[in-house]
Amino acid sequence: MFPLPTMRLLFACLIALGLLLTGCDKPPAFKSTDISGVDWGKNFALTDHTGKARTLADYKGKVVILFFGYTQCPDVCPTTLMTMNETLKLLGDDAARVQVLFASLDPARDTQELLAQYVPQFNPSFVGLRGDEATTAAMAKEFRAFYTKVPGATPATYTIDHSTGSYAFDPQGRLRLLLKHGDAPANLAGDIKQLLAGK
């Protein structure tokens, strides 16, 4: 039998070891909203701005950032794409392991040709995606993304109110994070690095 002071020391060491081991299982501290475990996006299928059919499986091995918007958006969409470009700069060599996807909510105006001109302006690696009206509605519903047309002065000058968050998938193709519009590139880059590291 150990003397009492030795028992106390042994007990304290066991508690410290337990805390250390518990810390190993601690979930990563993401700046963005952790939505790990949701099953959204399983039926993701759109056409890219080169005319190629795309699913999330095409980008396995990369962190995928998906944003729903439209090319005539006056503020949120271009700001989001510029922020993602700045985020990739902060990632350095890791940027090659990230794919940014811009999915149009305006198939009537956002043709393949227009997306091919618009999206790569922000970064040559960015990909524009589109579908017909029914596919667009299905994709938005799949991701719980809100959008609605707001009439303009003429039938062709409508705007679209829409959700502003982006979705981040890890390299295994699992939906993990909801990125907040307006978050700092440094925060986004930190979260993406954790996903690339397998967190």
N, C-alpha and C. Protein backbone atom coordinates (compact mmCIF):
# COMPACT_ATOMS: atom_id res chain seq x y z
N MET A 1 0.85 -1.20 0.00
CA MET A 1 0.00 0.00 0.00
C MET A 1 0.88 1.24 0.00
N PHE A 2 0.57 2.20 -0.90
CA PHE A 2 1.34 3.45 -0.96
C PHE A 2 0.99 4.35 0.21
N PRO A 3 1.98 5.13 0.72
CA PRO A 3 1.66 6.12 1.75
C PRO A 3 0.71 7.18 1.17
N LEU A 4 -0.03 7.88 2.05
CA LEU A 4 -1.06 8.83 1.63
C LEU A 4 -0.53 9.91 0.69
N PRO A 5 0.64 10.58 0.96
CA PRO A 5 1.12 11.62 0.03
C PRO A 5 1.39 11.06 -1.37
N THR A 6 1.91 9.83 -1.43
CA THR A 6 2.19 9.21 -2.73
C THR A 6 0.89 8.90 -3.47
N MET A 7 -0.13 8.45 -2.72
CA MET A 7 -1.44 8.16 -3.30
C MET A 7 -2.05 9.43 -3.90
N ARG A 8 -1.92 10.55 -3.16
CA ARG A 8 -2.47 11.82 -3.65
C ARG A 8 -1.77 12.24 -4.94
N LEU A 9 -0.44 12.09 -4.98
CA LEU A 9 0.34 12.45 -6.16
C LEU A 9 -0.05 11.58 -7.34
N LEU A 10 -0.21 10.28 -7.08
CA LEU A 10 -0.60 9.34 -8.13
C LEU A 10 -1.99 9.69 -8.67
N PHE A 11 -2.91 10.01 -7.75
CA PHE A 11 -4.27 10.38 -8.13
C PHE A 11 -4.26 11.65 -8.99
N ALA A 12 -3.45 12.64 -8.59
CA ALA A 12 -3.36 13.89 -9.33
C ALA A 12 -2.80 13.66 -10.73
N CYS A 13 -1.82 12.76 -10.83
CA CYS A 13 -1.22 12.43 -12.14
C CYS A 13 -2.25 11.76 -13.05
N LEU A 14 -3.06 10.87 -12.48
CA LEU A 14 -4.09 10.19 -13.27
C LEU A 14 -5.14 11.18 -13.78
N ILE A 15 -5.51 12.15 -12.94
CA ILE A 15 -6.47 13.18 -13.36
C ILE A 15 -5.88 14.01 -14.49
N ALA A 16 -4.61 14.41 -14.33
CA ALA A 16 -3.94 15.22 -15.36
C ALA A 16 -3.86 14.45 -16.68
N LEU A 17 -3.55 13.16 -16.59
CA LEU A 17 -3.47 12.33 -17.79
C LEU A 17 -4.85 12.23 -18.47
N GLY A 18 -5.87 12.08 -17.65
CA GLY A 18 -7.23 12.01 -18.18
C GLY A 18 -7.62 13.29 -18.90
N LEU A 19 -7.25 14.43 -18.33
CA LEU A 19 -7.55 15.72 -18.97
C LEU A 19 -6.81 15.86 -20.29
N LEU A 20 -5.57 15.40 -20.32
CA LEU A 20 -4.79 15.46 -21.55
C LEU A 20 -5.42 14.61 -22.65
N LEU A 21 -5.84 13.40 -22.27
CA LEU A 21 -6.44 12.51 -23.25
C LEU A 21 -7.79 13.04 -23.73
N THR A 22 -8.54 13.65 -22.82
CA THR A 22 -9.82 14.26 -23.21
C THR A 22 -9.58 15.39 -24.19
N GLY A 23 -8.51 16.15 -23.97
CA GLY A 23 -8.16 17.26 -24.86
C GLY A 23 -7.87 16.78 -26.27
N CYS A 24 -7.39 15.55 -26.41
CA CYS A 24 -7.09 15.01 -27.74
C CYS A 24 -8.37 14.82 -28.56
N ASP A 25 -9.49 14.56 -27.86
CA ASP A 25 -10.75 14.33 -28.55
C ASP A 25 -11.55 15.62 -28.74
N LYS A 26 -11.01 16.72 -28.26
CA LYS A 26 -11.73 17.99 -28.34
C LYS A 26 -11.97 18.37 -29.79
N PRO A 27 -13.22 18.73 -30.15
CA PRO A 27 -13.49 19.11 -31.54
C PRO A 27 -12.76 20.39 -31.92
N PRO A 28 -12.45 20.57 -33.20
CA PRO A 28 -11.73 21.77 -33.61
C PRO A 28 -12.55 23.03 -33.36
N ALA A 29 -11.88 24.11 -33.04
CA ALA A 29 -12.55 25.39 -32.76
C ALA A 29 -12.67 26.18 -34.06
N PHE A 30 -13.70 25.90 -34.83
CA PHE A 30 -13.92 26.61 -36.08
C PHE A 30 -14.49 28.00 -35.80
N LYS A 31 -14.12 28.96 -36.62
CA LYS A 31 -14.73 30.30 -36.56
C LYS A 31 -16.10 30.27 -37.21
N SER A 32 -16.25 29.43 -38.23
CA SER A 32 -17.52 29.30 -38.95
C SER A 32 -18.45 28.36 -38.19
N THR A 33 -19.71 28.29 -38.63
CA THR A 33 -20.69 27.42 -37.98
C THR A 33 -20.47 25.96 -38.38
N ASP A 34 -20.23 25.13 -37.39
CA ASP A 34 -19.99 23.70 -37.63
C ASP A 34 -21.33 23.00 -37.85
N ILE A 35 -21.55 22.47 -39.06
CA ILE A 35 -22.78 21.74 -39.36
C ILE A 35 -22.46 20.28 -39.72
N SER A 36 -21.34 19.80 -39.21
CA SER A 36 -20.94 18.41 -39.47
C SER A 36 -22.08 17.46 -39.12
N GLY A 37 -22.32 16.49 -40.00
CA GLY A 37 -23.34 15.50 -39.73
C GLY A 37 -24.62 15.71 -40.52
N VAL A 38 -24.85 16.93 -41.04
CA VAL A 38 -26.05 17.11 -41.85
C VAL A 38 -25.85 16.37 -43.18
N ASP A 39 -26.94 15.95 -43.78
CA ASP A 39 -26.82 15.15 -45.00
C ASP A 39 -27.24 15.94 -46.25
N TRP A 40 -27.09 17.25 -46.20
CA TRP A 40 -27.44 18.08 -47.34
C TRP A 40 -26.44 17.85 -48.48
N GLY A 41 -26.90 18.06 -49.70
CA GLY A 41 -26.01 18.04 -50.85
C GLY A 41 -25.72 16.68 -51.44
N LYS A 42 -26.40 15.65 -50.99
CA LYS A 42 -26.13 14.30 -51.50
C LYS A 42 -26.43 14.19 -53.00
N ASN A 43 -27.43 14.94 -53.45
CA ASN A 43 -27.85 14.84 -54.85
C ASN A 43 -27.33 15.99 -55.70
N PHE A 44 -26.21 16.57 -55.28
CA PHE A 44 -25.63 17.71 -55.98
C PHE A 44 -25.24 17.32 -57.41
N ALA A 45 -25.80 18.03 -58.38
CA ALA A 45 -25.47 17.78 -59.79
C ALA A 45 -25.83 19.01 -60.61
N LEU A 46 -24.82 19.69 -61.14
CA LEU A 46 -25.01 20.88 -61.96
C LEU A 46 -24.03 20.83 -63.13
N THR A 47 -24.12 21.80 -64.03
CA THR A 47 -23.21 21.87 -65.18
C THR A 47 -22.28 23.06 -65.00
N ASP A 48 -20.99 22.84 -65.25
CA ASP A 48 -20.04 23.95 -65.04
C ASP A 48 -20.00 24.88 -66.24
N HIS A 49 -19.22 25.95 -66.12
CA HIS A 49 -19.23 26.99 -67.16
C HIS A 49 -18.50 26.58 -68.44
N THR A 50 -17.99 25.35 -68.46
CA THR A 50 -17.44 24.81 -69.72
C THR A 50 -18.41 23.82 -70.37
N GLY A 51 -19.55 23.58 -69.70
CA GLY A 51 -20.54 22.65 -70.23
C GLY A 51 -20.42 21.24 -69.70
N LYS A 52 -19.53 21.02 -68.73
CA LYS A 52 -19.31 19.68 -68.18
C LYS A 52 -20.22 19.43 -66.98
N ALA A 53 -20.87 18.25 -66.95
CA ALA A 53 -21.69 17.87 -65.80
C ALA A 53 -20.78 17.65 -64.59
N ARG A 54 -21.22 18.17 -63.44
CA ARG A 54 -20.39 18.10 -62.24
C ARG A 54 -21.17 17.58 -61.04
N THR A 55 -20.48 16.79 -60.22
CA THR A 55 -20.98 16.39 -58.90
C THR A 55 -19.86 16.67 -57.91
N LEU A 56 -20.17 16.56 -56.64
CA LEU A 56 -19.14 16.81 -55.62
C LEU A 56 -18.01 15.79 -55.71
N ALA A 57 -18.30 14.60 -56.21
CA ALA A 57 -17.27 13.56 -56.33
C ALA A 57 -16.13 14.00 -57.23
N ASP A 58 -16.39 14.94 -58.16
CA ASP A 58 -15.35 15.44 -59.05
C ASP A 58 -14.26 16.18 -58.30
N TYR A 59 -14.57 16.64 -57.11
CA TYR A 59 -13.63 17.47 -56.35
C TYR A 59 -13.13 16.78 -55.09
N LYS A 60 -13.31 15.46 -55.02
CA LYS A 60 -12.86 14.74 -53.83
C LYS A 60 -11.36 14.92 -53.66
N GLY A 61 -10.93 15.08 -52.41
CA GLY A 61 -9.53 15.35 -52.12
C GLY A 61 -9.25 16.83 -51.92
N LYS A 62 -10.26 17.65 -52.22
CA LYS A 62 -10.14 19.10 -52.02
C LYS A 62 -11.20 19.57 -51.03
N VAL A 63 -10.92 20.68 -50.38
CA VAL A 63 -11.97 21.38 -49.65
C VAL A 63 -12.78 22.14 -50.70
N VAL A 64 -14.09 21.96 -50.68
CA VAL A 64 -14.97 22.62 -51.64
C VAL A 64 -15.77 23.70 -50.93
N ILE A 65 -15.74 24.90 -51.48
CA ILE A 65 -16.56 26.01 -50.98
C ILE A 65 -17.63 26.28 -52.01
N LEU A 66 -18.90 26.13 -51.63
CA LEU A 66 -20.03 26.31 -52.54
C LEU A 66 -20.84 27.51 -52.11
N PHE A 67 -21.09 28.41 -53.08
CA PHE A 67 -21.89 29.61 -52.81
C PHE A 67 -22.98 29.73 -53.86
N PHE A 68 -24.21 30.03 -53.42
CA PHE A 68 -25.32 30.25 -54.33
C PHE A 68 -25.51 31.75 -54.55
N GLY A 69 -25.54 32.18 -55.82
CA GLY A 69 -25.72 33.59 -56.10
C GLY A 69 -26.13 33.81 -57.54
N TYR A 70 -25.90 35.01 -58.05
CA TYR A 70 -26.21 35.30 -59.46
C TYR A 70 -25.33 36.44 -59.95
N THR A 71 -25.06 36.46 -61.24
CA THR A 71 -24.05 37.38 -61.77
C THR A 71 -24.45 38.84 -61.69
N GLN A 72 -25.73 39.15 -61.68
CA GLN A 72 -26.16 40.55 -61.62
C GLN A 72 -26.39 41.04 -60.19
N CYS A 73 -25.98 40.25 -59.22
CA CYS A 73 -26.05 40.62 -57.81
C CYS A 73 -25.17 41.85 -57.58
N PRO A 74 -25.71 42.90 -56.94
CA PRO A 74 -24.94 44.14 -56.79
C PRO A 74 -23.92 44.15 -55.67
N ASP A 75 -24.03 43.24 -54.70
CA ASP A 75 -23.15 43.38 -53.53
C ASP A 75 -22.67 42.06 -52.93
N VAL A 76 -23.58 41.24 -52.42
CA VAL A 76 -23.18 40.04 -51.68
C VAL A 76 -22.33 39.09 -52.52
N CYS A 77 -22.75 38.84 -53.76
CA CYS A 77 -22.04 37.83 -54.58
C CYS A 77 -20.62 38.25 -54.96
N PRO A 78 -20.44 39.47 -55.52
CA PRO A 78 -19.06 39.85 -55.82
C PRO A 78 -18.19 39.96 -54.57
N THR A 79 -18.79 40.42 -53.47
CA THR A 79 -18.02 40.52 -52.22
C THR A 79 -17.57 39.14 -51.75
N THR A 80 -18.47 38.16 -51.83
CA THR A 80 -18.13 36.80 -51.42
C THR A 80 -17.00 36.24 -52.28
N LEU A 81 -17.08 36.42 -53.58
CA LEU A 81 -16.05 35.89 -54.47
C LEU A 81 -14.71 36.60 -54.25
N MET A 82 -14.74 37.90 -54.00
CA MET A 82 -13.49 38.62 -53.71
C MET A 82 -12.89 38.14 -52.39
N THR A 83 -13.75 37.90 -51.39
CA THR A 83 -13.27 37.41 -50.10
C THR A 83 -12.64 36.03 -50.25
N MET A 84 -13.25 35.17 -51.07
CA MET A 84 -12.67 33.85 -51.27
C MET A 84 -11.34 33.92 -52.00
N ASN A 85 -11.21 34.87 -52.92
CA ASN A 85 -9.93 35.05 -53.59
C ASN A 85 -8.85 35.47 -52.59
N GLU A 86 -9.19 36.40 -51.69
CA GLU A 86 -8.24 36.82 -50.66
C GLU A 86 -7.90 35.66 -49.72
N THR A 87 -8.90 34.84 -49.43
CA THR A 87 -8.67 33.68 -48.56
C THR A 87 -7.68 32.72 -49.19
N LEU A 88 -7.82 32.47 -50.49
CA LEU A 88 -6.89 31.56 -51.17
C LEU A 88 -5.47 32.10 -51.15
N LYS A 89 -5.33 33.42 -51.26
CA LYS A 89 -3.98 34.02 -51.19
C LYS A 89 -3.33 33.71 -49.85
N LEU A 90 -4.12 33.77 -48.79
CA LEU A 90 -3.59 33.50 -47.46
C LEU A 90 -3.20 32.04 -47.27
N LEU A 91 -3.82 31.16 -48.06
CA LEU A 91 -3.52 29.73 -47.93
C LEU A 91 -2.22 29.32 -48.61
N GLY A 92 -1.68 30.18 -49.44
CA GLY A 92 -0.42 29.86 -50.11
C GLY A 92 -0.54 28.61 -50.97
N ASP A 93 0.39 27.67 -50.81
CA ASP A 93 0.39 26.44 -51.61
C ASP A 93 -0.86 25.59 -51.38
N ASP A 94 -1.47 25.71 -50.20
CA ASP A 94 -2.67 24.93 -49.90
C ASP A 94 -3.87 25.35 -50.75
N ALA A 95 -3.79 26.52 -51.38
CA ALA A 95 -4.90 26.99 -52.21
C ALA A 95 -5.20 26.02 -53.35
N ALA A 96 -4.19 25.29 -53.79
CA ALA A 96 -4.38 24.31 -54.88
C ALA A 96 -5.27 23.16 -54.44
N ARG A 97 -5.48 23.02 -53.13
CA ARG A 97 -6.32 21.94 -52.59
C ARG A 97 -7.71 22.44 -52.21
N VAL A 98 -8.09 23.60 -52.75
CA VAL A 98 -9.40 24.19 -52.47
C VAL A 98 -10.10 24.50 -53.78
N GLN A 99 -11.39 24.18 -53.87
CA GLN A 99 -12.17 24.49 -55.06
C GLN A 99 -13.37 25.35 -54.67
N VAL A 100 -13.44 26.55 -55.25
CA VAL A 100 -14.58 27.44 -55.02
C VAL A 100 -15.58 27.26 -56.16
N LEU A 101 -16.84 27.02 -55.80
CA LEU A 101 -17.92 26.82 -56.77
C LEU A 101 -18.98 27.91 -56.57
N PHE A 102 -19.38 28.54 -57.68
CA PHE A 102 -20.42 29.56 -57.66
C PHE A 102 -21.63 29.01 -58.42
N ALA A 103 -22.70 28.67 -57.69
CA ALA A 103 -23.89 28.08 -58.30
C ALA A 103 -24.95 29.15 -58.53
N SER A 104 -25.35 29.32 -59.78
CA SER A 104 -26.30 30.38 -60.12
C SER A 104 -27.72 30.06 -59.66
N LEU A 105 -28.38 31.09 -59.14
CA LEU A 105 -29.79 31.03 -58.79
C LEU A 105 -30.65 31.68 -59.87
N ASP A 106 -30.02 32.05 -60.98
CA ASP A 106 -30.69 32.82 -62.03
C ASP A 106 -30.44 32.19 -63.40
N PRO A 107 -30.92 30.96 -63.62
CA PRO A 107 -30.61 30.28 -64.88
C PRO A 107 -31.14 30.99 -66.12
N ALA A 108 -32.18 31.81 -65.97
CA ALA A 108 -32.73 32.52 -67.13
C ALA A 108 -31.73 33.52 -67.71
N ARG A 109 -30.94 34.15 -66.86
CA ARG A 109 -29.98 35.15 -67.33
C ARG A 109 -28.54 34.66 -67.27
N ASP A 110 -28.24 33.80 -66.33
CA ASP A 110 -26.86 33.32 -66.17
C ASP A 110 -26.60 32.13 -67.09
N THR A 111 -26.30 32.46 -68.33
CA THR A 111 -25.98 31.42 -69.31
C THR A 111 -24.60 30.85 -69.02
N GLN A 112 -24.30 29.74 -69.65
CA GLN A 112 -22.97 29.14 -69.53
C GLN A 112 -21.89 30.14 -69.94
N GLU A 113 -22.14 30.86 -71.03
CA GLU A 113 -21.16 31.84 -71.54
C GLU A 113 -20.94 32.97 -70.55
N LEU A 114 -22.03 33.47 -69.95
CA LEU A 114 -21.90 34.57 -68.99
C LEU A 114 -21.14 34.12 -67.75
N LEU A 115 -21.45 32.93 -67.25
CA LEU A 115 -20.73 32.41 -66.10
C LEU A 115 -19.24 32.23 -66.41
N ALA A 116 -18.94 31.80 -67.63
CA ALA A 116 -17.55 31.60 -68.04
C ALA A 116 -16.78 32.92 -68.06
N GLN A 117 -17.48 34.02 -68.33
CA GLN A 117 -16.84 35.33 -68.31
C GLN A 117 -16.74 35.89 -66.89
N TYR A 118 -17.80 35.71 -66.13
CA TYR A 118 -17.93 36.37 -64.82
C TYR A 118 -17.10 35.71 -63.72
N VAL A 119 -17.30 34.41 -63.51
CA VAL A 119 -16.72 33.75 -62.34
C VAL A 119 -15.19 33.75 -62.33
N PRO A 120 -14.52 33.37 -63.43
CA PRO A 120 -13.05 33.34 -63.39
C PRO A 120 -12.39 34.71 -63.26
N GLN A 121 -13.16 35.79 -63.44
CA GLN A 121 -12.58 37.13 -63.22
C GLN A 121 -12.07 37.28 -61.79
N PHE A 122 -12.73 36.62 -60.85
CA PHE A 122 -12.35 36.75 -59.44
C PHE A 122 -11.15 35.87 -59.11
N ASN A 123 -11.07 34.73 -59.77
CA ASN A 123 -9.92 33.83 -59.64
C ASN A 123 -10.04 32.78 -60.76
N PRO A 124 -8.99 32.57 -61.53
CA PRO A 124 -9.08 31.63 -62.66
C PRO A 124 -9.48 30.21 -62.27
N SER A 125 -9.29 29.84 -61.00
CA SER A 125 -9.63 28.48 -60.57
C SER A 125 -11.10 28.34 -60.18
N PHE A 126 -11.80 29.45 -59.99
CA PHE A 126 -13.21 29.39 -59.58
C PHE A 126 -14.07 28.82 -60.71
N VAL A 127 -15.09 28.06 -60.34
CA VAL A 127 -15.96 27.42 -61.33
C VAL A 127 -17.40 27.89 -61.14
N GLY A 128 -18.02 28.32 -62.25
CA GLY A 128 -19.43 28.68 -62.24
C GLY A 128 -20.28 27.46 -62.58
N LEU A 129 -21.40 27.32 -61.91
CA LEU A 129 -22.29 26.18 -62.12
C LEU A 129 -23.72 26.67 -62.38
N ARG A 130 -24.46 25.88 -63.16
CA ARG A 130 -25.85 26.23 -63.41
C ARG A 130 -26.67 24.97 -63.69
N GLY A 131 -27.98 25.15 -63.63
CA GLY A 131 -28.92 24.11 -64.02
C GLY A 131 -30.16 24.80 -64.56
N ASP A 132 -31.16 24.04 -64.97
CA ASP A 132 -32.40 24.68 -65.40
C ASP A 132 -33.18 25.12 -64.14
N GLU A 133 -34.35 25.70 -64.35
CA GLU A 133 -35.13 26.23 -63.22
C GLU A 133 -35.43 25.15 -62.19
N ALA A 134 -35.85 23.98 -62.65
CA ALA A 134 -36.21 22.89 -61.73
C ALA A 134 -34.99 22.39 -60.96
N THR A 135 -33.86 22.24 -61.65
CA THR A 135 -32.64 21.77 -60.99
C THR A 135 -32.14 22.80 -59.98
N THR A 136 -32.21 24.08 -60.36
CA THR A 136 -31.79 25.15 -59.46
C THR A 136 -32.62 25.13 -58.19
N ALA A 137 -33.94 25.00 -58.34
CA ALA A 137 -34.82 24.96 -57.17
C ALA A 137 -34.52 23.75 -56.30
N ALA A 138 -34.25 22.60 -56.93
CA ALA A 138 -33.94 21.38 -56.19
C ALA A 138 -32.63 21.51 -55.42
N MET A 139 -31.62 22.13 -56.05
CA MET A 139 -30.34 22.30 -55.38
C MET A 139 -30.45 23.25 -54.19
N ALA A 140 -31.18 24.34 -54.38
CA ALA A 140 -31.36 25.29 -53.28
C ALA A 140 -32.09 24.62 -52.11
N LYS A 141 -33.10 23.84 -52.43
CA LYS A 141 -33.84 23.12 -51.39
C LYS A 141 -32.94 22.11 -50.69
N GLU A 142 -32.10 21.44 -51.46
CA GLU A 142 -31.17 20.45 -50.91
C GLU A 142 -30.26 21.06 -49.85
N PHE A 143 -29.87 22.33 -50.06
CA PHE A 143 -28.95 23.00 -49.14
C PHE A 143 -29.65 23.97 -48.19
N ARG A 144 -30.98 23.93 -48.17
CA ARG A 144 -31.76 24.84 -47.32
C ARG A 144 -31.42 26.30 -47.63
N ALA A 145 -31.12 26.58 -48.90
CA ALA A 145 -30.77 27.95 -49.33
C ALA A 145 -32.04 28.66 -49.78
N PHE A 146 -32.22 29.87 -49.29
CA PHE A 146 -33.39 30.67 -49.63
C PHE A 146 -33.10 31.56 -50.84
N TYR A 147 -34.07 31.69 -51.74
CA TYR A 147 -33.98 32.70 -52.80
C TYR A 147 -35.36 33.01 -53.36
N THR A 148 -35.55 34.25 -53.76
CA THR A 148 -36.82 34.66 -54.34
C THR A 148 -36.59 35.86 -55.26
N LYS A 149 -37.31 35.90 -56.38
CA LYS A 149 -37.19 37.01 -57.32
C LYS A 149 -37.91 38.24 -56.77
N VAL A 150 -37.28 39.40 -56.97
CA VAL A 150 -37.88 40.68 -56.60
C VAL A 150 -38.07 41.47 -57.90
N PRO A 151 -39.33 41.77 -58.29
CA PRO A 151 -39.57 42.45 -59.57
C PRO A 151 -38.84 43.78 -59.67
N GLY A 152 -38.38 44.10 -60.90
CA GLY A 152 -37.72 45.37 -61.16
C GLY A 152 -38.62 46.25 -62.02
N ALA A 153 -38.04 47.30 -62.59
CA ALA A 153 -38.80 48.24 -63.43
C ALA A 153 -39.33 47.56 -64.69
N THR A 154 -38.59 46.55 -65.17
CA THR A 154 -39.03 45.78 -66.33
C THR A 154 -38.90 44.30 -65.98
N PRO A 155 -39.53 43.42 -66.75
CA PRO A 155 -39.43 41.98 -66.45
C PRO A 155 -38.01 41.45 -66.43
N ALA A 156 -37.11 42.10 -67.16
CA ALA A 156 -35.73 41.61 -67.26
C ALA A 156 -34.80 42.18 -66.18
N THR A 157 -35.29 43.14 -65.40
CA THR A 157 -34.40 43.81 -64.43
C THR A 157 -34.69 43.41 -62.99
N TYR A 158 -35.22 42.22 -62.80
CA TYR A 158 -35.48 41.75 -61.44
C TYR A 158 -34.17 41.52 -60.69
N THR A 159 -34.26 41.52 -59.37
CA THR A 159 -33.14 41.12 -58.53
C THR A 159 -33.56 39.83 -57.80
N ILE A 160 -32.63 39.25 -57.08
CA ILE A 160 -32.93 38.02 -56.34
C ILE A 160 -32.44 38.18 -54.90
N ASP A 161 -33.36 38.07 -53.97
CA ASP A 161 -32.97 38.01 -52.56
C ASP A 161 -32.57 36.56 -52.27
N HIS A 162 -31.45 36.38 -51.59
CA HIS A 162 -30.99 35.00 -51.36
C HIS A 162 -30.14 34.89 -50.11
N SER A 163 -29.97 33.67 -49.66
CA SER A 163 -29.10 33.39 -48.51
C SER A 163 -27.68 33.86 -48.83
N THR A 164 -26.93 34.20 -47.80
CA THR A 164 -25.60 34.76 -48.04
C THR A 164 -24.45 33.87 -47.56
N GLY A 165 -24.76 32.75 -46.93
CA GLY A 165 -23.69 31.87 -46.45
C GLY A 165 -23.12 30.99 -47.54
N SER A 166 -21.92 30.48 -47.30
CA SER A 166 -21.28 29.51 -48.20
C SER A 166 -21.11 28.19 -47.45
N TYR A 167 -21.03 27.11 -48.21
CA TYR A 167 -20.93 25.77 -47.62
C TYR A 167 -19.53 25.21 -47.86
N ALA A 168 -18.93 24.67 -46.81
CA ALA A 168 -17.58 24.09 -46.93
C ALA A 168 -17.63 22.58 -46.72
N PHE A 169 -17.11 21.85 -47.71
CA PHE A 169 -16.99 20.40 -47.65
C PHE A 169 -15.53 20.04 -47.38
N ASP A 170 -15.31 19.00 -46.59
CA ASP A 170 -13.93 18.56 -46.34
C ASP A 170 -13.44 17.71 -47.52
N PRO A 171 -12.16 17.33 -47.53
CA PRO A 171 -11.61 16.58 -48.67
C PRO A 171 -12.28 15.21 -48.90
N GLN A 172 -13.01 14.71 -47.91
CA GLN A 172 -13.73 13.45 -48.09
C GLN A 172 -15.14 13.66 -48.66
N GLY A 173 -15.48 14.92 -48.93
CA GLY A 173 -16.78 15.22 -49.52
C GLY A 173 -17.90 15.38 -48.51
N ARG A 174 -17.56 15.54 -47.23
CA ARG A 174 -18.59 15.70 -46.20
C ARG A 174 -18.83 17.18 -45.93
N LEU A 175 -20.09 17.58 -45.86
CA LEU A 175 -20.44 18.96 -45.56
C LEU A 175 -20.11 19.23 -44.10
N ARG A 176 -19.29 20.27 -43.86
CA ARG A 176 -18.80 20.50 -42.50
C ARG A 176 -19.14 21.88 -41.94
N LEU A 177 -19.04 22.92 -42.77
CA LEU A 177 -19.16 24.27 -42.23
C LEU A 177 -20.10 25.14 -43.04
N LEU A 178 -20.76 26.07 -42.36
CA LEU A 178 -21.49 27.16 -43.01
C LEU A 178 -20.68 28.42 -42.76
N LEU A 179 -20.14 28.99 -43.84
CA LEU A 179 -19.29 30.18 -43.73
C LEU A 179 -20.16 31.43 -43.77
N LYS A 180 -19.92 32.33 -42.85
CA LYS A 180 -20.72 33.55 -42.76
C LYS A 180 -20.26 34.59 -43.78
N HIS A 181 -21.21 35.23 -44.45
CA HIS A 181 -20.88 36.32 -45.34
C HIS A 181 -20.26 37.46 -44.52
N GLY A 182 -19.19 38.02 -45.04
CA GLY A 182 -18.56 39.14 -44.36
C GLY A 182 -17.49 38.74 -43.37
N ASP A 183 -17.28 37.43 -43.16
CA ASP A 183 -16.22 37.01 -42.25
C ASP A 183 -14.86 37.32 -42.87
N ALA A 184 -13.88 37.54 -42.01
CA ALA A 184 -12.54 37.92 -42.47
C ALA A 184 -11.86 36.76 -43.18
N PRO A 185 -11.12 37.05 -44.27
CA PRO A 185 -10.38 35.99 -44.96
C PRO A 185 -9.47 35.18 -44.04
N ALA A 186 -8.89 35.83 -43.04
CA ALA A 186 -8.00 35.11 -42.12
C ALA A 186 -8.77 34.04 -41.35
N ASN A 187 -10.00 34.34 -40.94
CA ASN A 187 -10.81 33.35 -40.24
C ASN A 187 -11.18 32.19 -41.16
N LEU A 188 -11.56 32.52 -42.39
CA LEU A 188 -11.93 31.49 -43.36
C LEU A 188 -10.73 30.61 -43.68
N ALA A 189 -9.57 31.23 -43.87
CA ALA A 189 -8.36 30.46 -44.17
C ALA A 189 -8.01 29.52 -43.01
N GLY A 190 -8.19 29.99 -41.79
CA GLY A 190 -7.91 29.14 -40.63
C GLY A 190 -8.81 27.93 -40.59
N ASP A 191 -10.09 28.13 -40.88
CA ASP A 191 -11.04 27.01 -40.89
C ASP A 191 -10.71 26.02 -42.02
N ILE A 192 -10.39 26.55 -43.18
CA ILE A 192 -10.05 25.69 -44.32
C ILE A 192 -8.79 24.87 -44.02
N LYS A 193 -7.80 25.48 -43.38
CA LYS A 193 -6.59 24.75 -43.02
C LYS A 193 -6.90 23.58 -42.10
N GLN A 194 -7.83 23.79 -41.18
CA GLN A 194 -8.21 22.69 -40.28
C GLN A 194 -8.88 21.56 -41.06
N LEU A 195 -9.73 21.90 -42.03
CA LEU A 195 -10.36 20.87 -42.83
C LEU A 195 -9.32 20.12 -43.67
N LEU A 196 -8.36 20.85 -44.21
CA LEU A 196 -7.30 20.21 -45.00
C LEU A 196 -6.44 19.30 -44.14
N ALA A 197 -6.33 19.64 -42.86
CA ALA A 197 -5.52 18.84 -41.93
C ALA A 197 -6.29 17.64 -41.40
N GLY A 198 -7.53 17.48 -41.83
CA GLY A 198 -8.32 16.33 -41.39
C GLY A 198 -9.06 16.53 -40.11
N LYS A 199 -9.19 17.80 -39.67
CA LYS A 199 -9.94 18.08 -38.43
C LYS A 199 -11.44 17.96 -38.67
